[in-house]
Amino acid sequence: MADYGYMASDPDRKKALITEAAVYLKRAVECMEGDIPEKVATLRLLAPKYGWIDQEPEAIKYYDQAYDMLPDPDAEGLSTEELKKIKTIRIEILTAKASDLSTIEQAEDALRTFNEAR
């Protein structure tokens, strides 16, 4: 098993590794052609990385991109299972976004986003 204890003692190294991971995730999204669920999943992996390195506005940007890619829950042709999954993903994205908004002291936006998630 790898020992990641060194990362806790070296915040600059941790930030560099997370930043590098974010670059690769962004490239992955750019390379995906037409696979919306995979893009959304990758953006949902990417966004919190920015929160980990105190770049919440960047995280919020990627949460917004992922949210905007999701089909409208009122769209025709969605099965009950697909609709349930989309709604769950929307709630998870909005909750994470609201948390980041709260972290950067945008209380009104955070509250509005939490309410939208409800």
PDB file of N, CA and C in Angstrom:
ATOM      1  N   MET A   1       0.847  -1.175   0.000  1.00  0.00           N
ATOM      2  CA  MET A   1       0.000   0.000   0.000  1.00  0.00           C
ATOM      3  C   MET A   1       0.894   1.239   0.000  1.00  0.00           C
ATOM      4  N   ALA A   2       0.512   2.213  -0.784  1.00  0.00           N
ATOM      5  CA  ALA A   2       1.289   3.447  -0.877  1.00  0.00           C
ATOM      6  C   ALA A   2       1.143   4.263   0.398  1.00  0.00           C
ATOM      7  N   ASP A   3       2.213   4.963   0.736  1.00  0.00           N
ATOM      8  CA  ASP A   3       2.192   5.833   1.916  1.00  0.00           C
ATOM      9  C   ASP A   3       2.057   7.274   1.446  1.00  0.00           C
ATOM     10  N   TYR A   4       0.897   7.858   1.688  1.00  0.00           N
ATOM     11  CA  TYR A   4       0.643   9.226   1.270  1.00  0.00           C
ATOM     12  C   TYR A   4       0.807  10.211   2.414  1.00  0.00           C
ATOM     13  N   GLY A   5       1.424   9.782   3.496  1.00  0.00           N
ATOM     14  CA  GLY A   5       1.637  10.650   4.646  1.00  0.00           C
ATOM     15  C   GLY A   5       2.479  11.864   4.305  1.00  0.00           C
ATOM     16  N   TYR A   6       3.364  11.722   3.324  1.00  0.00           N
ATOM     17  CA  TYR A   6       4.216  12.844   2.936  1.00  0.00           C
ATOM     18  C   TYR A   6       3.396  14.006   2.402  1.00  0.00           C
ATOM     19  N   MET A   7       2.233  13.710   1.812  1.00  0.00           N
ATOM     20  CA  MET A   7       1.418  14.781   1.242  1.00  0.00           C
ATOM     21  C   MET A   7       0.870  15.705   2.323  1.00  0.00           C
ATOM     22  N   ALA A   8       0.555  15.144   3.470  1.00  0.00           N
ATOM     23  CA  ALA A   8       0.018  15.962   4.557  1.00  0.00           C
ATOM     24  C   ALA A   8       1.060  16.944   5.056  1.00  0.00           C
ATOM     25  N   SER A   9       2.329  16.553   5.005  1.00  0.00           N
ATOM     26  CA  SER A   9       3.381  17.417   5.509  1.00  0.00           C
ATOM     27  C   SER A   9       3.936  18.361   4.438  1.00  0.00           C
ATOM     28  N   ASP A  10       3.539  18.180   3.199  1.00  0.00           N
ATOM     29  CA  ASP A  10       4.036  19.021   2.122  1.00  0.00           C
ATOM     30  C   ASP A  10       2.856  19.572   1.301  1.00  0.00           C
ATOM     31  N   PRO A  11       2.245  20.656   1.782  1.00  0.00           N
ATOM     32  CA  PRO A  11       1.072  21.188   1.100  1.00  0.00           C
ATOM     33  C   PRO A  11       1.352  21.650  -0.329  1.00  0.00           C
ATOM     34  N   ASP A  12       2.559  22.124  -0.594  1.00  0.00           N
ATOM     35  CA  ASP A  12       2.879  22.555  -1.953  1.00  0.00           C
ATOM     36  C   ASP A  12       2.885  21.365  -2.915  1.00  0.00           C
ATOM     37  N   ARG A  13       3.427  20.257  -2.463  1.00  0.00           N
ATOM     38  CA  ARG A  13       3.441  19.039  -3.290  1.00  0.00           C
ATOM     39  C   ARG A  13       2.017  18.549  -3.520  1.00  0.00           C
ATOM     40  N   LYS A  14       1.213  18.580  -2.473  1.00  0.00           N
ATOM     41  CA  LYS A  14      -0.178  18.157  -2.587  1.00  0.00           C
ATOM     42  C   LYS A  14      -0.909  19.019  -3.612  1.00  0.00           C
ATOM     43  N   LYS A  15      -0.732  20.334  -3.518  1.00  0.00           N
ATOM     44  CA  LYS A  15      -1.384  21.247  -4.447  1.00  0.00           C
ATOM     45  C   LYS A  15      -0.917  20.982  -5.879  1.00  0.00           C
ATOM     46  N   ALA A  16       0.375  20.737  -6.061  1.00  0.00           N
ATOM     47  CA  ALA A  16       0.918  20.470  -7.393  1.00  0.00           C
ATOM     48  C   ALA A  16       0.328  19.181  -7.974  1.00  0.00           C
ATOM     49  N   LEU A  17       0.203  18.145  -7.155  1.00  0.00           N
ATOM     50  CA  LEU A  17      -0.347  16.880  -7.628  1.00  0.00           C
ATOM     51  C   LEU A  17      -1.822  17.020  -7.999  1.00  0.00           C
ATOM     52  N   ILE A  18      -2.569  17.738  -7.178  1.00  0.00           N
ATOM     53  CA  ILE A  18      -3.989  17.936  -7.463  1.00  0.00           C
ATOM     54  C   ILE A  18      -4.161  18.788  -8.722  1.00  0.00           C
ATOM     55  N   THR A  19      -3.340  19.801  -8.866  1.00  0.00           N
ATOM     56  CA  THR A  19      -3.401  20.653 -10.062  1.00  0.00           C
ATOM     57  C   THR A  19      -3.089  19.829 -11.307  1.00  0.00           C
ATOM     58  N   GLU A  20      -2.107  18.967 -11.228  1.00  0.00           N
ATOM     59  CA  GLU A  20      -1.756  18.109 -12.362  1.00  0.00           C
ATOM     60  C   GLU A  20      -2.908  17.154 -12.691  1.00  0.00           C
ATOM     61  N   ALA A  21      -3.527  16.596 -11.673  1.00  0.00           N
ATOM     62  CA  ALA A  21      -4.678  15.711 -11.898  1.00  0.00           C
ATOM     63  C   ALA A  21      -5.801  16.469 -12.590  1.00  0.00           C
ATOM     64  N   ALA A  22      -6.022  17.713 -12.187  1.00  0.00           N
ATOM     65  CA  ALA A  22      -7.074  18.526 -12.794  1.00  0.00           C
ATOM     66  C   ALA A  22      -6.799  18.752 -14.277  1.00  0.00           C
ATOM     67  N   VAL A  23      -5.550  18.966 -14.621  1.00  0.00           N
ATOM     68  CA  VAL A  23      -5.184  19.166 -16.026  1.00  0.00           C
ATOM     69  C   VAL A  23      -5.553  17.935 -16.852  1.00  0.00           C
ATOM     70  N   TYR A  24      -5.249  16.760 -16.331  1.00  0.00           N
ATOM     71  CA  TYR A  24      -5.561  15.528 -17.054  1.00  0.00           C
ATOM     72  C   TYR A  24      -7.078  15.312 -17.172  1.00  0.00           C
ATOM     73  N   LEU A  25      -7.815  15.644 -16.126  1.00  0.00           N
ATOM     74  CA  LEU A  25      -9.265  15.506 -16.190  1.00  0.00           C
ATOM     75  C   LEU A  25      -9.864  16.476 -17.208  1.00  0.00           C
ATOM     76  N   LYS A  26      -9.336  17.714 -17.250  1.00  0.00           N
ATOM     77  CA  LYS A  26      -9.820  18.683 -18.247  1.00  0.00           C
ATOM     78  C   LYS A  26      -9.546  18.176 -19.659  1.00  0.00           C
ATOM     79  N   ARG A  27      -8.367  17.613 -19.867  1.00  0.00           N
ATOM     80  CA  ARG A  27      -8.031  17.069 -21.189  1.00  0.00           C
ATOM     81  C   ARG A  27      -8.961  15.918 -21.550  1.00  0.00           C
ATOM     82  N   ALA A  28      -9.289  15.103 -20.577  1.00  0.00           N
ATOM     83  CA  ALA A  28     -10.196  13.982 -20.830  1.00  0.00           C
ATOM     84  C   ALA A  28     -11.553  14.486 -21.307  1.00  0.00           C
ATOM     85  N   VAL A  29     -12.071  15.520 -20.666  1.00  0.00           N
ATOM     86  CA  VAL A  29     -13.358  16.087 -21.072  1.00  0.00           C
ATOM     87  C   VAL A  29     -13.272  16.621 -22.496  1.00  0.00           C
ATOM     88  N   GLU A  30     -12.183  17.291 -22.818  1.00  0.00           N
ATOM     89  CA  GLU A  30     -12.013  17.867 -24.149  1.00  0.00           C
ATOM     90  C   GLU A  30     -11.953  16.793 -25.229  1.00  0.00           C
ATOM     91  N   CYS A  31     -11.418  15.625 -24.887  1.00  0.00           N
ATOM     92  CA  CYS A  31     -11.256  14.542 -25.867  1.00  0.00           C
ATOM     93  C   CYS A  31     -12.525  13.731 -26.083  1.00  0.00           C
ATOM     94  N   MET A  32     -13.446  13.801 -25.160  1.00  0.00           N
ATOM     95  CA  MET A  32     -14.676  13.013 -25.274  1.00  0.00           C
ATOM     96  C   MET A  32     -15.575  13.602 -26.340  1.00  0.00           C
ATOM     97  N   GLU A  33     -16.042  12.739 -27.216  1.00  0.00           N
ATOM     98  CA  GLU A  33     -16.903  13.187 -28.306  1.00  0.00           C
ATOM     99  C   GLU A  33     -18.320  12.683 -28.087  1.00  0.00           C
ATOM    100  N   GLY A  34     -19.220  13.581 -27.757  1.00  0.00           N
ATOM    101  CA  GLY A  34     -20.629  13.256 -27.701  1.00  0.00           C
ATOM    102  C   GLY A  34     -21.082  12.358 -26.565  1.00  0.00           C
ATOM    103  N   ASP A  35     -20.207  11.962 -25.681  1.00  0.00           N
ATOM    104  CA  ASP A  35     -20.593  11.077 -24.586  1.00  0.00           C
ATOM    105  C   ASP A  35     -20.911  11.913 -23.353  1.00  0.00           C
ATOM    106  N   ILE A  36     -22.123  12.446 -23.315  1.00  0.00           N
ATOM    107  CA  ILE A  36     -22.534  13.376 -22.267  1.00  0.00           C
ATOM    108  C   ILE A  36     -22.419  12.764 -20.867  1.00  0.00           C
ATOM    109  N   PRO A  37     -22.927  11.555 -20.629  1.00  0.00           N
ATOM    110  CA  PRO A  37     -22.805  11.013 -19.261  1.00  0.00           C
ATOM    111  C   PRO A  37     -21.355  10.906 -18.780  1.00  0.00           C
ATOM    112  N   GLU A  38     -20.461  10.544 -19.677  1.00  0.00           N
ATOM    113  CA  GLU A  38     -19.049  10.450 -19.299  1.00  0.00           C
ATOM    114  C   GLU A  38     -18.445  11.829 -19.042  1.00  0.00           C
ATOM    115  N   LYS A  39     -18.832  12.811 -19.837  1.00  0.00           N
ATOM    116  CA  LYS A  39     -18.349  14.182 -19.615  1.00  0.00           C
ATOM    117  C   LYS A  39     -18.832  14.701 -18.272  1.00  0.00           C
ATOM    118  N   VAL A  40     -20.107  14.477 -17.983  1.00  0.00           N
ATOM    119  CA  VAL A  40     -20.665  14.922 -16.705  1.00  0.00           C
ATOM    120  C   VAL A  40     -19.921  14.250 -15.555  1.00  0.00           C
ATOM    121  N   ALA A  41     -19.700  12.944 -15.667  1.00  0.00           N
ATOM    122  CA  ALA A  41     -18.994  12.214 -14.613  1.00  0.00           C
ATOM    123  C   ALA A  41     -17.583  12.747 -14.425  1.00  0.00           C
ATOM    124  N   THR A  42     -16.895  13.044 -15.517  1.00  0.00           N
ATOM    125  CA  THR A  42     -15.524  13.553 -15.427  1.00  0.00           C
ATOM    126  C   THR A  42     -15.502  14.963 -14.839  1.00  0.00           C
ATOM    127  N   LEU A  43     -16.443  15.804 -15.246  1.00  0.00           N
ATOM    128  CA  LEU A  43     -16.517  17.146 -14.664  1.00  0.00           C
ATOM    129  C   LEU A  43     -16.812  17.077 -13.172  1.00  0.00           C
ATOM    130  N   ARG A  44     -17.617  16.096 -12.774  1.00  0.00           N
ATOM    131  CA  ARG A  44     -17.921  15.927 -11.348  1.00  0.00           C
ATOM    132  C   ARG A  44     -16.702  15.422 -10.576  1.00  0.00           C
ATOM    133  N   LEU A  45     -15.778  14.783 -11.241  1.00  0.00           N
ATOM    134  CA  LEU A  45     -14.505  14.417 -10.615  1.00  0.00           C
ATOM    135  C   LEU A  45     -13.563  15.616 -10.570  1.00  0.00           C
ATOM    136  N   LEU A  46     -13.608  16.421 -11.616  1.00  0.00           N
ATOM    137  CA  LEU A  46     -12.718  17.567 -11.738  1.00  0.00           C
ATOM    138  C   LEU A  46     -13.046  18.681 -10.754  1.00  0.00           C
ATOM    139  N   ALA A  47     -14.291  19.048 -10.652  1.00  0.00           N
ATOM    140  CA  ALA A  47     -14.694  20.215  -9.855  1.00  0.00           C
ATOM    141  C   ALA A  47     -14.171  20.207  -8.420  1.00  0.00           C
ATOM    142  N   PRO A  48     -14.338  19.124  -7.671  1.00  0.00           N
ATOM    143  CA  PRO A  48     -13.887  19.186  -6.271  1.00  0.00           C
ATOM    144  C   PRO A  48     -12.374  19.321  -6.115  1.00  0.00           C
ATOM    145  N   LYS A  49     -11.628  18.941  -7.130  1.00  0.00           N
ATOM    146  CA  LYS A  49     -10.163  19.078  -7.041  1.00  0.00           C
ATOM    147  C   LYS A  49      -9.788  20.539  -6.826  1.00  0.00           C
ATOM    148  N   TYR A  50     -10.538  21.433  -7.463  1.00  0.00           N
ATOM    149  CA  TYR A  50     -10.261  22.856  -7.299  1.00  0.00           C
ATOM    150  C   TYR A  50     -10.634  23.333  -5.905  1.00  0.00           C
ATOM    151  N   GLY A  51     -11.673  22.772  -5.341  1.00  0.00           N
ATOM    152  CA  GLY A  51     -12.022  23.109  -3.960  1.00  0.00           C
ATOM    153  C   GLY A  51     -10.936  22.677  -2.989  1.00  0.00           C
ATOM    154  N   TRP A  52     -10.299  21.554  -3.284  1.00  0.00           N
ATOM    155  CA  TRP A  52      -9.225  21.043  -2.425  1.00  0.00           C
ATOM    156  C   TRP A  52      -8.018  21.967  -2.405  1.00  0.00           C
ATOM    157  N   ILE A  53      -7.853  22.759  -3.468  1.00  0.00           N
ATOM    158  CA  ILE A  53      -6.691  23.663  -3.520  1.00  0.00           C
ATOM    159  C   ILE A  53      -7.137  25.123  -3.425  1.00  0.00           C
ATOM    160  N   ASP A  54      -8.261  25.311  -2.778  1.00  0.00           N
ATOM    161  CA  ASP A  54      -8.786  26.652  -2.481  1.00  0.00           C
ATOM    162  C   ASP A  54      -9.048  27.496  -3.723  1.00  0.00           C
ATOM    163  N   GLN A  55      -9.550  26.869  -4.764  1.00  0.00           N
ATOM    164  CA  GLN A  55      -9.946  27.577  -5.983  1.00  0.00           C
ATOM    165  C   GLN A  55     -11.424  27.291  -6.263  1.00  0.00           C
ATOM    166  N   GLU A  56     -12.251  27.612  -5.280  1.00  0.00           N
ATOM    167  CA  GLU A  56     -13.676  27.313  -5.368  1.00  0.00           C
ATOM    168  C   GLU A  56     -14.365  27.920  -6.590  1.00  0.00           C
ATOM    169  N   PRO A  57     -14.023  29.150  -7.007  1.00  0.00           N
ATOM    170  CA  PRO A  57     -14.688  29.678  -8.212  1.00  0.00           C
ATOM    171  C   PRO A  57     -14.479  28.784  -9.436  1.00  0.00           C
ATOM    172  N   GLU A  58     -13.316  28.199  -9.538  1.00  0.00           N
ATOM    173  CA  GLU A  58     -13.039  27.280 -10.649  1.00  0.00           C
ATOM    174  C   GLU A  58     -13.877  26.006 -10.494  1.00  0.00           C
ATOM    175  N   ALA A  59     -13.994  25.523  -9.271  1.00  0.00           N
ATOM    176  CA  ALA A  59     -14.822  24.341  -9.009  1.00  0.00           C
ATOM    177  C   ALA A  59     -16.265  24.623  -9.410  1.00  0.00           C
ATOM    178  N   ILE A  60     -16.763  25.771  -9.030  1.00  0.00           N
ATOM    179  CA  ILE A  60     -18.146  26.151  -9.344  1.00  0.00           C
ATOM    180  C   ILE A  60     -18.362  26.176 -10.853  1.00  0.00           C
ATOM    181  N   LYS A  61     -17.382  26.664 -11.583  1.00  0.00           N
ATOM    182  CA  LYS A  61     -17.467  26.711 -13.043  1.00  0.00           C
ATOM    183  C   LYS A  61     -17.683  25.302 -13.616  1.00  0.00           C
ATOM    184  N   TYR A  62     -16.958  24.319 -13.098  1.00  0.00           N
ATOM    185  CA  TYR A  62     -17.086  22.955 -13.613  1.00  0.00           C
ATOM    186  C   TYR A  62     -18.365  22.276 -13.143  1.00  0.00           C
ATOM    187  N   TYR A  63     -18.828  22.615 -11.928  1.00  0.00           N
ATOM    188  CA  TYR A  63     -20.131  22.107 -11.505  1.00  0.00           C
ATOM    189  C   TYR A  63     -21.220  22.637 -12.436  1.00  0.00           C
ATOM    190  N   ASP A  64     -21.125  23.921 -12.786  1.00  0.00           N
ATOM    191  CA  ASP A  64     -22.109  24.516 -13.694  1.00  0.00           C
ATOM    192  C   ASP A  64     -22.084  23.846 -15.067  1.00  0.00           C
ATOM    193  N   GLN A  65     -20.892  23.562 -15.572  1.00  0.00           N
ATOM    194  CA  GLN A  65     -20.779  22.894 -16.876  1.00  0.00           C
ATOM    195  C   GLN A  65     -21.435  21.518 -16.835  1.00  0.00           C
ATOM    196  N   ALA A  66     -21.145  20.765 -15.782  1.00  0.00           N
ATOM    197  CA  ALA A  66     -21.726  19.424 -15.655  1.00  0.00           C
ATOM    198  C   ALA A  66     -23.248  19.512 -15.567  1.00  0.00           C
ATOM    199  N   TYR A  67     -23.741  20.440 -14.758  1.00  0.00           N
ATOM    200  CA  TYR A  67     -25.187  20.608 -14.574  1.00  0.00           C
ATOM    201  C   TYR A  67     -25.866  20.963 -15.893  1.00  0.00           C
ATOM    202  N   ASP A  68     -25.243  21.870 -16.637  1.00  0.00           N
ATOM    203  CA  ASP A  68     -25.822  22.320 -17.903  1.00  0.00           C
ATOM    204  C   ASP A  68     -25.851  21.226 -18.970  1.00  0.00           C
ATOM    205  N   MET A  69     -25.005  20.232 -18.846  1.00  0.00           N
ATOM    206  CA  MET A  69     -24.968  19.139 -19.822  1.00  0.00           C
ATOM    207  C   MET A  69     -26.061  18.105 -19.585  1.00  0.00           C
ATOM    208  N   LEU A  70     -26.605  18.079 -18.376  1.00  0.00           N
ATOM    209  CA  LEU A  70     -27.628  17.087 -18.063  1.00  0.00           C
ATOM    210  C   LEU A  70     -28.911  17.371 -18.833  1.00  0.00           C
ATOM    211  N   PRO A  71     -29.595  16.311 -19.246  1.00  0.00           N
ATOM    212  CA  PRO A  71     -30.876  16.526 -19.914  1.00  0.00           C
ATOM    213  C   PRO A  71     -31.879  17.158 -18.963  1.00  0.00           C
ATOM    214  N   ASP A  72     -32.775  17.920 -19.510  1.00  0.00           N
ATOM    215  CA  ASP A  72     -33.846  18.529 -18.727  1.00  0.00           C
ATOM    216  C   ASP A  72     -34.732  17.404 -18.192  1.00  0.00           C
ATOM    217  N   PRO A  73     -35.042  17.423 -16.898  1.00  0.00           N
ATOM    218  CA  PRO A  73     -35.887  16.362 -16.347  1.00  0.00           C
ATOM    219  C   PRO A  73     -37.268  16.291 -17.008  1.00  0.00           C
ATOM    220  N   ASP A  74     -37.675  17.353 -17.678  1.00  0.00           N
ATOM    221  CA  ASP A  74     -38.962  17.358 -18.364  1.00  0.00           C
ATOM    222  C   ASP A  74     -38.859  16.872 -19.810  1.00  0.00           C
ATOM    223  N   ALA A  75     -37.644  16.487 -20.218  1.00  0.00           N
ATOM    224  CA  ALA A  75     -37.444  16.035 -21.596  1.00  0.00           C
ATOM    225  C   ALA A  75     -38.226  14.750 -21.853  1.00  0.00           C
ATOM    226  N   GLU A  76     -38.726  14.649 -23.042  1.00  0.00           N
ATOM    227  CA  GLU A  76     -39.480  13.456 -23.419  1.00  0.00           C
ATOM    228  C   GLU A  76     -38.530  12.303 -23.696  1.00  0.00           C
ATOM    229  N   GLY A  77     -39.025  11.109 -23.490  1.00  0.00           N
ATOM    230  CA  GLY A  77     -38.259   9.921 -23.832  1.00  0.00           C
ATOM    231  C   GLY A  77     -37.381   9.377 -22.726  1.00  0.00           C
ATOM    232  N   LEU A  78     -37.403  10.003 -21.561  1.00  0.00           N
ATOM    233  CA  LEU A  78     -36.600   9.499 -20.448  1.00  0.00           C
ATOM    234  C   LEU A  78     -37.397   8.458 -19.678  1.00  0.00           C
ATOM    235  N   SER A  79     -36.731   7.355 -19.373  1.00  0.00           N
ATOM    236  CA  SER A  79     -37.385   6.333 -18.560  1.00  0.00           C
ATOM    237  C   SER A  79     -37.444   6.815 -17.114  1.00  0.00           C
ATOM    238  N   THR A  80     -38.238   6.166 -16.320  1.00  0.00           N
ATOM    239  CA  THR A  80     -38.350   6.515 -14.902  1.00  0.00           C
ATOM    240  C   THR A  80     -36.995   6.378 -14.222  1.00  0.00           C
ATOM    241  N   GLU A  81     -36.262   5.346 -14.570  1.00  0.00           N
ATOM    242  CA  GLU A  81     -34.939   5.127 -13.983  1.00  0.00           C
ATOM    243  C   GLU A  81     -33.958   6.228 -14.398  1.00  0.00           C
ATOM    244  N   GLU A  82     -33.964   6.606 -15.674  1.00  0.00           N
ATOM    245  CA  GLU A  82     -33.090   7.680 -16.154  1.00  0.00           C
ATOM    246  C   GLU A  82     -33.430   8.995 -15.472  1.00  0.00           C
ATOM    247  N   LEU A  83     -34.713   9.273 -15.349  1.00  0.00           N
ATOM    248  CA  LEU A  83     -35.161  10.504 -14.705  1.00  0.00           C
ATOM    249  C   LEU A  83     -34.698  10.552 -13.254  1.00  0.00           C
ATOM    250  N   LYS A  84     -34.829   9.452 -12.553  1.00  0.00           N
ATOM    251  CA  LYS A  84     -34.395   9.385 -11.158  1.00  0.00           C
ATOM    252  C   LYS A  84     -32.885   9.627 -11.047  1.00  0.00           C
ATOM    253  N   LYS A  85     -32.128   9.016 -11.951  1.00  0.00           N
ATOM    254  CA  LYS A  85     -30.670   9.181 -11.942  1.00  0.00           C
ATOM    255  C   LYS A  85     -30.278  10.633 -12.223  1.00  0.00           C
ATOM    256  N   ILE A  86     -30.930  11.249 -13.196  1.00  0.00           N
ATOM    257  CA  ILE A  86     -30.635  12.643 -13.540  1.00  0.00           C
ATOM    258  C   ILE A  86     -30.950  13.560 -12.366  1.00  0.00           C
ATOM    259  N   LYS A  87     -32.088  13.344 -11.728  1.00  0.00           N
ATOM    260  CA  LYS A  87     -32.451  14.168 -10.579  1.00  0.00           C
ATOM    261  C   LYS A  87     -31.445  14.013  -9.440  1.00  0.00           C
ATOM    262  N   THR A  88     -30.990  12.788  -9.207  1.00  0.00           N
ATOM    263  CA  THR A  88     -29.993  12.546  -8.154  1.00  0.00           C
ATOM    264  C   THR A  88     -28.687  13.262  -8.468  1.00  0.00           C
ATOM    265  N   ILE A  89     -28.239  13.182  -9.707  1.00  0.00           N
ATOM    266  CA  ILE A  89     -27.004  13.858 -10.109  1.00  0.00           C
ATOM    267  C   ILE A  89     -27.157  15.368  -9.968  1.00  0.00           C
ATOM    268  N   ARG A  90     -28.285  15.908 -10.361  1.00  0.00           N
ATOM    269  CA  ARG A  90     -28.544  17.351 -10.236  1.00  0.00           C
ATOM    270  C   ARG A  90     -28.445  17.785  -8.771  1.00  0.00           C
ATOM    271  N   ILE A  91     -29.061  17.017  -7.887  1.00  0.00           N
ATOM    272  CA  ILE A  91     -29.024  17.343  -6.457  1.00  0.00           C
ATOM    273  C   ILE A  91     -27.595  17.303  -5.945  1.00  0.00           C
ATOM    274  N   GLU A  92     -26.840  16.276  -6.326  1.00  0.00           N
ATOM    275  CA  GLU A  92     -25.453  16.158  -5.866  1.00  0.00           C
ATOM    276  C   GLU A  92     -24.600  17.321  -6.356  1.00  0.00           C
ATOM    277  N   ILE A  93     -24.777  17.703  -7.616  1.00  0.00           N
ATOM    278  CA  ILE A  93     -24.015  18.826  -8.167  1.00  0.00           C
ATOM    279  C   ILE A  93     -24.381  20.124  -7.449  1.00  0.00           C
ATOM    280  N   LEU A  94     -25.667  20.373  -7.293  1.00  0.00           N
ATOM    281  CA  LEU A  94     -26.101  21.605  -6.640  1.00  0.00           C
ATOM    282  C   LEU A  94     -25.631  21.675  -5.191  1.00  0.00           C
ATOM    283  N   THR A  95     -25.662  20.566  -4.494  1.00  0.00           N
ATOM    284  CA  THR A  95     -25.214  20.542  -3.101  1.00  0.00           C
ATOM    285  C   THR A  95     -23.717  20.848  -3.002  1.00  0.00           C
ATOM    286  N   ALA A  96     -22.934  20.236  -3.873  1.00  0.00           N
ATOM    287  CA  ALA A  96     -21.489  20.493  -3.871  1.00  0.00           C
ATOM    288  C   ALA A  96     -21.199  21.949  -4.235  1.00  0.00           C
ATOM    289  N   LYS A  97     -21.912  22.464  -5.235  1.00  0.00           N
ATOM    290  CA  LYS A  97     -21.734  23.864  -5.645  1.00  0.00           C
ATOM    291  C   LYS A  97     -22.094  24.805  -4.499  1.00  0.00           C
ATOM    292  N   ALA A  98     -23.206  24.533  -3.833  1.00  0.00           N
ATOM    293  CA  ALA A  98     -23.633  25.382  -2.718  1.00  0.00           C
ATOM    294  C   ALA A  98     -22.603  25.376  -1.597  1.00  0.00           C
ATOM    295  N   SER A  99     -22.006  24.233  -1.365  1.00  0.00           N
ATOM    296  CA  SER A  99     -20.969  24.136  -0.341  1.00  0.00           C
ATOM    297  C   SER A  99     -19.772  25.013  -0.695  1.00  0.00           C
ATOM    298  N   ASP A 100     -19.375  24.985  -1.955  1.00  0.00           N
ATOM    299  CA  ASP A 100     -18.258  25.840  -2.383  1.00  0.00           C
ATOM    300  C   ASP A 100     -18.637  27.318  -2.315  1.00  0.00           C
ATOM    301  N   LEU A 101     -19.854  27.637  -2.676  1.00  0.00           N
ATOM    302  CA  LEU A 101     -20.310  29.031  -2.567  1.00  0.00           C
ATOM    303  C   LEU A 101     -20.272  29.488  -1.115  1.00  0.00           C
ATOM    304  N   SER A 102     -20.650  28.625  -0.224  1.00  0.00           N
ATOM    305  CA  SER A 102     -20.606  28.940   1.202  1.00  0.00           C
ATOM    306  C   SER A 102     -19.171  29.162   1.665  1.00  0.00           C
ATOM    307  N   THR A 103     -18.270  28.337   1.167  1.00  0.00           N
ATOM    308  CA  THR A 103     -16.855  28.459   1.535  1.00  0.00           C
ATOM    309  C   THR A 103     -16.285  29.811   1.143  1.00  0.00           C
ATOM    310  N   ILE A 104     -16.711  30.321  -0.002  1.00  0.00           N
ATOM    311  CA  ILE A 104     -16.188  31.623  -0.443  1.00  0.00           C
ATOM    312  C   ILE A 104     -17.106  32.768  -0.011  1.00  0.00           C
ATOM    313  N   GLU A 105     -17.928  32.466   0.978  1.00  0.00           N
ATOM    314  CA  GLU A 105     -18.776  33.455   1.636  1.00  0.00           C
ATOM    315  C   GLU A 105     -19.749  34.158   0.702  1.00  0.00           C
ATOM    316  N   GLN A 106     -20.329  33.396  -0.188  1.00  0.00           N
ATOM    317  CA  GLN A 106     -21.419  33.893  -1.027  1.00  0.00           C
ATOM    318  C   GLN A 106     -22.698  33.244  -0.512  1.00  0.00           C
ATOM    319  N   ALA A 107     -23.084  33.674   0.679  1.00  0.00           N
ATOM    320  CA  ALA A 107     -24.176  33.036   1.417  1.00  0.00           C
ATOM    321  C   ALA A 107     -25.501  33.044   0.656  1.00  0.00           C
ATOM    322  N   GLU A 108     -25.845  34.165   0.036  1.00  0.00           N
ATOM    323  CA  GLU A 108     -27.121  34.239  -0.679  1.00  0.00           C
ATOM    324  C   GLU A 108     -27.152  33.269  -1.849  1.00  0.00           C
ATOM    325  N   ASP A 109     -26.063  33.211  -2.610  1.00  0.00           N
ATOM    326  CA  ASP A 109     -25.994  32.274  -3.733  1.00  0.00           C
ATOM    327  C   ASP A 109     -26.012  30.832  -3.230  1.00  0.00           C
ATOM    328  N   ALA A 110     -25.322  30.590  -2.130  1.00  0.00           N
ATOM    329  CA  ALA A 110     -25.299  29.244  -1.558  1.00  0.00           C
ATOM    330  C   ALA A 110     -26.700  28.824  -1.124  1.00  0.00           C
ATOM    331  N   LEU A 111     -27.407  29.705  -0.457  1.00  0.00           N
ATOM    332  CA  LEU A 111     -28.758  29.403  -0.004  1.00  0.00           C
ATOM    333  C   LEU A 111     -29.685  29.160  -1.181  1.00  0.00           C
ATOM    334  N   ARG A 112     -29.590  29.990  -2.205  1.00  0.00           N
ATOM    335  CA  ARG A 112     -30.423  29.818  -3.400  1.00  0.00           C
ATOM    336  C   ARG A 112     -30.129  28.464  -4.068  1.00  0.00           C
ATOM    337  N   THR A 113     -28.853  28.079  -4.109  1.00  0.00           N
ATOM    338  CA  THR A 113     -28.472  26.820  -4.731  1.00  0.00           C
ATOM    339  C   THR A 113     -28.939  25.636  -3.894  1.00  0.00           C
ATOM    340  N   PHE A 114     -28.797  25.729  -2.559  1.00  0.00           N
ATOM    341  CA  PHE A 114     -29.321  24.665  -1.687  1.00  0.00           C
ATOM    342  C   PHE A 114     -30.833  24.527  -1.871  1.00  0.00           C
ATOM    343  N   ASN A 115     -31.532  25.648  -1.970  1.00  0.00           N
ATOM    344  CA  ASN A 115     -32.975  25.603  -2.167  1.00  0.00           C
ATOM    345  C   ASN A 115     -33.346  24.966  -3.505  1.00  0.00           C
ATOM    346  N   GLU A 116     -32.576  25.251  -4.525  1.00  0.00           N
ATOM    347  CA  GLU A 116     -32.820  24.634  -5.833  1.00  0.00           C
ATOM    348  C   GLU A 116     -32.613  23.121  -5.738  1.00  0.00           C
ATOM    349  N   ALA A 117     -31.636  22.699  -4.963  1.00  0.00           N
ATOM    350  CA  ALA A 117     -31.384  21.269  -4.788  1.00  0.00           C
ATOM    351  C   ALA A 117     -32.566  20.585  -4.103  1.00  0.00           C
ATOM    352  N   ARG A 118     -33.218  21.315  -3.201  1.00  0.00           N
ATOM    353  CA  ARG A 118     -34.379  20.725  -2.501  1.00  0.00           C
ATOM    354  C   ARG A 118     -35.489  20.491  -3.486  1.00  0.00           C
TER     355      ARG A 118
END
